[in-house]
């Protein structure tokens, strides 16, 4: 999860530095979807293991 967050931060900075190029902005959005689903999956796994 930490590496996905770091990747998102770096992509966000790259989007700003590149002048909002659509390629980097799209990668940033796809990364956020991946990060969101990863966190949801992690919470799901933790809730299963606690039962």
PDB file of N, CA and C in Angstrom:
ATOM      1  N   UNK A   1       0.843  -1.192   0.000  1.00  0.00           N
ATOM      2  CA  UNK A   1       0.000   0.000   0.000  1.00  0.00           C
ATOM      3  C   UNK A   1       0.882   1.248   0.000  1.00  0.00           C
ATOM      4  N   UNK A   2       1.959   1.196   0.790  1.00  0.00           N
ATOM      5  CA  UNK A   2       2.839   2.366   0.858  1.00  0.00           C
ATOM      6  C   UNK A   2       3.429   2.698  -0.510  1.00  0.00           C
ATOM      7  N   UNK A   3       3.820   1.678  -1.258  1.00  0.00           N
ATOM      8  CA  UNK A   3       4.405   1.938  -2.575  1.00  0.00           C
ATOM      9  C   UNK A   3       3.367   2.524  -3.536  1.00  0.00           C
ATOM     10  N   UNK A   4       2.109   2.099  -3.416  1.00  0.00           N
ATOM     11  CA  UNK A   4       1.056   2.655  -4.266  1.00  0.00           C
ATOM     12  C   UNK A   4       0.792   4.119  -3.921  1.00  0.00           C
ATOM     13  N   UNK A   5       0.848   4.449  -2.634  1.00  0.00           N
ATOM     14  CA  UNK A   5       0.669   5.845  -2.217  1.00  0.00           C
ATOM     15  C   UNK A   5       1.827   6.695  -2.717  1.00  0.00           C
ATOM     16  N   UNK A   6       3.045   6.164  -2.584  1.00  0.00           N
ATOM     17  CA  UNK A   6       4.221   6.885  -3.072  1.00  0.00           C
ATOM     18  C   UNK A   6       4.142   7.097  -4.580  1.00  0.00           C
ATOM     19  N   UNK A   7       3.698   6.073  -5.302  1.00  0.00           N
ATOM     20  CA  UNK A   7       3.528   6.179  -6.752  1.00  0.00           C
ATOM     21  C   UNK A   7       2.513   7.268  -7.095  1.00  0.00           C
ATOM     22  N   UNK A   8       1.416   7.334  -6.347  1.00  0.00           N
ATOM     23  CA  UNK A   8       0.396   8.358  -6.577  1.00  0.00           C
ATOM     24  C   UNK A   8       0.954   9.764  -6.353  1.00  0.00           C
ATOM     25  N   UNK A   9       1.720   9.925  -5.298  1.00  0.00           N
ATOM     26  CA  UNK A   9       2.303  11.239  -5.007  1.00  0.00           C
ATOM     27  C   UNK A   9       3.257  11.650  -6.123  1.00  0.00           C
ATOM     28  N   UNK A  10       4.114  10.722  -6.538  1.00  0.00           N
ATOM     29  CA  UNK A  10       5.064  11.035  -7.609  1.00  0.00           C
ATOM     30  C   UNK A  10       4.348  11.340  -8.923  1.00  0.00           C
ATOM     31  N   UNK A  11       3.311  10.581  -9.228  1.00  0.00           N
ATOM     32  CA  UNK A  11       2.541  10.867 -10.438  1.00  0.00           C
ATOM     33  C   UNK A  11       1.843  12.219 -10.351  1.00  0.00           C
ATOM     34  N   UNK A  12       1.343  12.560  -9.179  1.00  0.00           N
ATOM     35  CA  UNK A  12       0.701  13.861  -8.998  1.00  0.00           C
ATOM     36  C   UNK A  12       1.670  15.003  -9.230  1.00  0.00           C
ATOM     37  N   UNK A  13       2.877  14.861  -8.713  1.00  0.00           N
ATOM     38  CA  UNK A  13       3.902  15.885  -8.933  1.00  0.00           C
ATOM     39  C   UNK A  13       4.266  15.946 -10.409  1.00  0.00           C
ATOM     40  N   UNK A  14       4.387  14.783 -11.048  1.00  0.00           N
ATOM     41  CA  UNK A  14       4.715  14.743 -12.471  1.00  0.00           C
ATOM     42  C   UNK A  14       3.634  15.418 -13.311  1.00  0.00           C
ATOM     43  N   UNK A  15       2.382  15.225 -12.937  1.00  0.00           N
ATOM     44  CA  UNK A  15       1.282  15.884 -13.652  1.00  0.00           C
ATOM     45  C   UNK A  15       1.424  17.401 -13.550  1.00  0.00           C
ATOM     46  N   UNK A  16       1.727  17.880 -12.358  1.00  0.00           N
ATOM     47  CA  UNK A  16       1.868  19.326 -12.166  1.00  0.00           C
ATOM     48  C   UNK A  16       3.072  19.885 -12.914  1.00  0.00           C
ATOM     49  N   UNK A  17       4.188  19.177 -12.850  1.00  0.00           N
ATOM     50  CA  UNK A  17       5.413  19.655 -13.492  1.00  0.00           C
ATOM     51  C   UNK A  17       5.287  19.617 -15.012  1.00  0.00           C
ATOM     52  N   UNK A  18       4.589  18.608 -15.538  1.00  0.00           N
ATOM     53  CA  UNK A  18       4.480  18.454 -16.991  1.00  0.00           C
ATOM     54  C   UNK A  18       3.463  19.404 -17.612  1.00  0.00           C
ATOM     55  N   UNK A  19       2.795  20.184 -16.804  1.00  0.00           N
ATOM     56  CA  UNK A  19       1.793  21.097 -17.350  1.00  0.00           C
ATOM     57  C   UNK A  19       0.485  20.400 -17.652  1.00  0.00           C
ATOM     58  N   UNK A  20       0.127  19.428 -16.832  1.00  0.00           N
ATOM     59  CA  UNK A  20      -1.149  18.711 -16.941  1.00  0.00           C
ATOM     60  C   UNK A  20      -1.295  17.961 -18.263  1.00  0.00           C
ATOM     61  N   UNK A  21      -0.238  17.238 -18.638  1.00  0.00           N
ATOM     62  CA  UNK A  21      -0.327  16.384 -19.829  1.00  0.00           C
ATOM     63  C   UNK A  21      -1.366  15.295 -19.570  1.00  0.00           C
ATOM     64  N   UNK A  22      -2.188  15.028 -20.566  1.00  0.00           N
ATOM     65  CA  UNK A  22      -3.299  14.089 -20.395  1.00  0.00           C
ATOM     66  C   UNK A  22      -2.801  12.680 -20.100  1.00  0.00           C
ATOM     67  N   UNK A  23      -1.644  12.320 -20.641  1.00  0.00           N
ATOM     68  CA  UNK A  23      -1.099  10.979 -20.408  1.00  0.00           C
ATOM     69  C   UNK A  23      -0.798  10.767 -18.928  1.00  0.00           C
ATOM     70  N   UNK A  24      -0.102  11.711 -18.319  1.00  0.00           N
ATOM     71  CA  UNK A  24       0.246  11.579 -16.909  1.00  0.00           C
ATOM     72  C   UNK A  24      -0.985  11.723 -16.015  1.00  0.00           C
ATOM     73  N   UNK A  25      -1.899  12.582 -16.404  1.00  0.00           N
ATOM     74  CA  UNK A  25      -3.126  12.749 -15.622  1.00  0.00           C
ATOM     75  C   UNK A  25      -3.963  11.467 -15.645  1.00  0.00           C
ATOM     76  N   UNK A  26      -4.016  10.806 -16.788  1.00  0.00           N
ATOM     77  CA  UNK A  26      -4.756   9.546 -16.888  1.00  0.00           C
ATOM     78  C   UNK A  26      -4.101   8.454 -16.051  1.00  0.00           C
ATOM     79  N   UNK A  27      -2.775   8.395 -16.085  1.00  0.00           N
ATOM     80  CA  UNK A  27      -2.073   7.428 -15.242  1.00  0.00           C
ATOM     81  C   UNK A  27      -2.335   7.691 -13.767  1.00  0.00           C
ATOM     82  N   UNK A  28      -2.399   8.961 -13.410  1.00  0.00           N
ATOM     83  CA  UNK A  28      -2.674   9.330 -12.024  1.00  0.00           C
ATOM     84  C   UNK A  28      -4.072   8.857 -11.613  1.00  0.00           C
ATOM     85  N   UNK A  29      -5.037   9.003 -12.490  1.00  0.00           N
ATOM     86  CA  UNK A  29      -6.399   8.545 -12.202  1.00  0.00           C
ATOM     87  C   UNK A  29      -6.465   7.021 -12.101  1.00  0.00           C
ATOM     88  N   UNK A  30      -5.795   6.334 -13.010  1.00  0.00           N
ATOM     89  CA  UNK A  30      -5.771   4.872 -12.941  1.00  0.00           C
ATOM     90  C   UNK A  30      -5.073   4.393 -11.670  1.00  0.00           C
ATOM     91  N   UNK A  31      -4.031   5.089 -11.281  1.00  0.00           N
ATOM     92  CA  UNK A  31      -3.341   4.750 -10.038  1.00  0.00           C
ATOM     93  C   UNK A  31      -4.233   4.925  -8.831  1.00  0.00           C
ATOM     94  N   UNK A  32      -5.070   5.956  -8.862  1.00  0.00           N
ATOM     95  CA  UNK A  32      -5.977   6.178  -7.726  1.00  0.00           C
ATOM     96  C   UNK A  32      -7.026   5.073  -7.640  1.00  0.00           C
ATOM     97  N   UNK A  33      -7.481   4.587  -8.775  1.00  0.00           N
ATOM     98  CA  UNK A  33      -8.434   3.468  -8.777  1.00  0.00           C
ATOM     99  C   UNK A  33      -7.771   2.220  -8.210  1.00  0.00           C
ATOM    100  N   UNK A  34      -6.546   1.951  -8.641  1.00  0.00           N
ATOM    101  CA  UNK A  34      -5.798   0.808  -8.117  1.00  0.00           C
ATOM    102  C   UNK A  34      -5.595   0.930  -6.610  1.00  0.00           C
ATOM    103  N   UNK A  35      -5.234   2.115  -6.159  1.00  0.00           N
ATOM    104  CA  UNK A  35      -5.010   2.339  -4.734  1.00  0.00           C
ATOM    105  C   UNK A  35      -6.301   2.149  -3.938  1.00  0.00           C
ATOM    106  N   UNK A  36      -7.396   2.674  -4.433  1.00  0.00           N
ATOM    107  CA  UNK A  36      -8.681   2.528  -3.752  1.00  0.00           C
ATOM    108  C   UNK A  36      -9.077   1.062  -3.615  1.00  0.00           C
ATOM    109  N   UNK A  37      -8.982   0.305  -4.710  1.00  0.00           N
ATOM    110  CA  UNK A  37      -9.340  -1.109  -4.653  1.00  0.00           C
ATOM    111  C   UNK A  37      -8.376  -1.906  -3.780  1.00  0.00           C
ATOM    112  N   UNK A  38      -7.117  -1.523  -3.751  1.00  0.00           N
ATOM    113  CA  UNK A  38      -6.149  -2.199  -2.885  1.00  0.00           C
ATOM    114  C   UNK A  38      -6.490  -1.996  -1.418  1.00  0.00           C
ATOM    115  N   UNK A  39      -6.873  -0.791  -1.057  1.00  0.00           N
ATOM    116  CA  UNK A  39      -7.236  -0.510   0.334  1.00  0.00           C
ATOM    117  C   UNK A  39      -8.526  -1.235   0.713  1.00  0.00           C
ATOM    118  N   UNK A  40      -9.496  -1.245  -0.185  1.00  0.00           N
ATOM    119  CA  UNK A  40     -10.742  -1.973   0.083  1.00  0.00           C
ATOM    120  C   UNK A  40     -10.455  -3.461   0.268  1.00  0.00           C
ATOM    121  N   UNK A  41      -9.616  -4.019  -0.590  1.00  0.00           N
ATOM    122  CA  UNK A  41      -9.260  -5.434  -0.482  1.00  0.00           C
ATOM    123  C   UNK A  41      -8.517  -5.716   0.818  1.00  0.00           C
ATOM    124  N   UNK A  42      -7.629  -4.824   1.217  1.00  0.00           N
ATOM    125  CA  UNK A  42      -6.901  -4.991   2.473  1.00  0.00           C
ATOM    126  C   UNK A  42      -7.859  -4.986   3.661  1.00  0.00           C
ATOM    127  N   UNK A  43      -8.789  -4.041   3.688  1.00  0.00           N
ATOM    128  CA  UNK A  43      -9.778  -4.003   4.771  1.00  0.00           C
ATOM    129  C   UNK A  43     -10.639  -5.266   4.780  1.00  0.00           C
ATOM    130  N   UNK A  44     -10.980  -5.763   3.607  1.00  0.00           N
ATOM    131  CA  UNK A  44     -11.763  -6.995   3.506  1.00  0.00           C
ATOM    132  C   UNK A  44     -10.985  -8.174   4.093  1.00  0.00           C
ATOM    133  N   UNK A  45      -9.716  -8.290   3.734  1.00  0.00           N
ATOM    134  CA  UNK A  45      -8.893  -9.387   4.247  1.00  0.00           C
ATOM    135  C   UNK A  45      -8.723  -9.303   5.762  1.00  0.00           C
ATOM    136  N   UNK A  46      -8.560  -8.103   6.277  1.00  0.00           N
ATOM    137  CA  UNK A  46      -8.417  -7.927   7.721  1.00  0.00           C
ATOM    138  C   UNK A  46      -9.712  -8.300   8.434  1.00  0.00           C
ATOM    139  N   UNK A  47     -10.847  -7.917   7.867  1.00  0.00           N
ATOM    140  CA  UNK A  47     -12.122  -8.233   8.514  1.00  0.00           C
ATOM    141  C   UNK A  47     -12.397  -9.735   8.498  1.00  0.00           C
ATOM    142  N   UNK A  48     -11.983 -10.431   7.456  1.00  0.00           N
ATOM    143  CA  UNK A  48     -12.158 -11.888   7.400  1.00  0.00           C
ATOM    144  C   UNK A  48     -11.274 -12.569   8.441  1.00  0.00           C
ATOM    145  N   UNK A  49     -10.048 -12.098   8.575  1.00  0.00           N
ATOM    146  CA  UNK A  49      -9.116 -12.749   9.501  1.00  0.00           C
ATOM    147  C   UNK A  49      -9.502 -12.528  10.964  1.00  0.00           C
ATOM    148  N   UNK A  50     -10.298 -11.514  11.245  1.00  0.00           N
ATOM    149  CA  UNK A  50     -10.708 -11.245  12.621  1.00  0.00           C
ATOM    150  C   UNK A  50     -11.917 -12.075  13.041  1.00  0.00           C
ATOM    151  N   UNK A  51     -12.573 -12.730  12.102  1.00  0.00           N
ATOM    152  CA  UNK A  51     -13.772 -13.520  12.425  1.00  0.00           C
ATOM    153  C   UNK A  51     -13.411 -14.902  12.883  1.00  0.00           C
TER     154      UNK A  51
END
